[in-house]
Protein backbone atom coordinates (compact mmCIF):
# COMPACT_ATOMS: atom_id res chain seq x y z
CA MET A 1 -25.36 -53.31 56.72
CA ILE A 2 -25.46 -53.05 53.09
CA LEU A 3 -22.33 -50.86 52.95
CA PRO A 4 -18.99 -51.86 54.72
CA SER A 5 -18.03 -49.16 57.51
CA LYS A 6 -15.65 -48.60 60.89
CA TYR A 7 -17.49 -50.70 62.39
CA ILE A 8 -18.79 -53.56 59.89
CA SER A 9 -16.28 -55.48 57.74
CA ILE A 10 -16.87 -56.09 54.11
CA THR A 11 -17.11 -59.63 54.67
CA GLU A 12 -20.62 -58.41 56.59
CA SER A 13 -21.39 -56.09 54.40
CA PHE A 14 -24.31 -56.85 52.12
CA ILE A 15 -22.09 -55.56 48.67
CA GLY A 16 -19.49 -58.06 50.33
CA ILE A 17 -21.71 -61.42 50.93
CA SER A 18 -23.02 -60.19 47.21
CA GLY A 19 -19.24 -60.37 45.70
CA LEU A 20 -18.73 -64.01 47.59
CA ILE A 21 -22.34 -65.17 45.95
CA LEU A 22 -21.14 -64.04 42.42
CA ASN A 23 -18.23 -65.72 43.00
CA ILE A 24 -19.53 -69.04 43.61
CA MET A 25 -22.37 -68.73 40.94
CA GLY A 26 -20.21 -67.62 38.04
CA ASN A 27 -22.60 -68.42 34.77
CA LYS A 28 -24.02 -71.22 36.55
CA LYS A 29 -27.95 -71.46 37.33
CA TYR A 30 -28.39 -72.27 41.00
CA THR A 31 -31.61 -73.18 43.59
CA ILE A 32 -30.73 -71.07 46.98
CA GLU A 33 -30.72 -73.77 48.74
CA LYS A 34 -28.00 -75.14 46.41
CA LEU A 35 -26.54 -71.44 46.33
CA TRP A 36 -26.45 -71.26 50.03
CA ASP A 37 -24.85 -75.24 50.84
CA SER A 38 -21.57 -74.85 47.39
CA PHE A 39 -21.02 -71.25 48.69
CA SER A 40 -21.36 -72.47 53.09
CA ARG A 41 -18.91 -75.37 52.20
CA GLU A 42 -16.48 -73.07 49.89
CA TYR A 43 -16.77 -70.04 53.09
CA ILE A 44 -18.44 -70.58 56.57
CA LYS A 45 -16.85 -74.61 56.92
CA SER A 46 -13.75 -74.11 55.20
CA LYS A 47 -13.95 -70.99 57.42
CA LYS A 48 -12.81 -68.34 55.21
CA LEU A 49 -14.57 -65.89 57.13
CA LYS A 50 -14.06 -64.30 60.29
CA ASN A 51 -17.81 -63.30 61.16
CA PRO A 52 -19.48 -65.16 58.29
CA PRO A 53 -22.91 -64.15 57.10
CA THR A 54 -26.06 -66.48 59.27
CA TYR A 55 -29.02 -67.99 56.44
CA GLN A 56 -30.95 -65.61 57.05
CA LYS A 57 -29.12 -62.79 56.03
CA PHE A 58 -27.12 -64.96 53.28
CA ILE A 59 -30.54 -64.21 52.28
CA TYR A 60 -30.74 -60.54 52.67
CA ALA A 61 -27.91 -60.59 50.62
CA VAL A 62 -29.55 -62.40 47.65
CA ASP A 63 -32.31 -60.03 48.06
CA PHE A 64 -30.29 -56.81 47.94
CA MET A 65 -28.53 -58.91 44.21
CA TYR A 66 -32.22 -59.18 43.14
CA LEU A 67 -33.12 -55.21 43.75
CA SER A 68 -29.83 -53.97 42.62
CA ASN A 69 -30.78 -56.10 39.31
CA MET A 70 -27.08 -58.26 39.76
CA ILE A 71 -29.62 -61.57 39.02
CA SER A 72 -32.06 -63.15 38.53
CA PHE A 73 -34.49 -66.02 38.27
CA ASN A 74 -36.00 -67.31 35.52
CA ASP A 75 -39.62 -69.99 35.38
CA LYS A 76 -38.55 -72.81 37.72
CA GLY A 77 -37.03 -71.23 40.36
CA GLU A 78 -32.89 -70.86 39.41
CA ILE A 79 -30.88 -67.99 40.30
CA TYR A 80 -28.75 -66.73 37.76
CA ASN A 81 -25.94 -63.85 37.21
CA GLU A 82 -27.84 -61.23 35.29
CA SER A 83 -25.11 -59.75 33.38
CA LEU A 84 -23.93 -63.42 32.53
CA LYS A 85 -26.83 -64.28 30.38
CA SER A 86 -26.46 -68.30 29.45
C-alpha cells in the first residue's frame, strides 16, 4: 500500500498520493479540511484519477507524509511542506 506494485498503481499508493498532495500544497499552509477540499476539487471531482483515494486513505497518506518528514504542523494546526519553510 505504501509503494506501488504489480497490483497497486502509483496513484493508489501512499507515495503517489503524497506527491499529489505536495503538488496541491506548494508553499502554502492548509488545514486538513481545506487540503482535502482542494485535493478533492483538483483530482476527484475532475475525475483525473482512475481510482481516487477515500478520505480515510487520504488521512493515512498525510500521516505517512508526517512520519517521513515531508510535512509538518504549526501551532494553529496548519500543514505545510517541510522542505519549503516560509
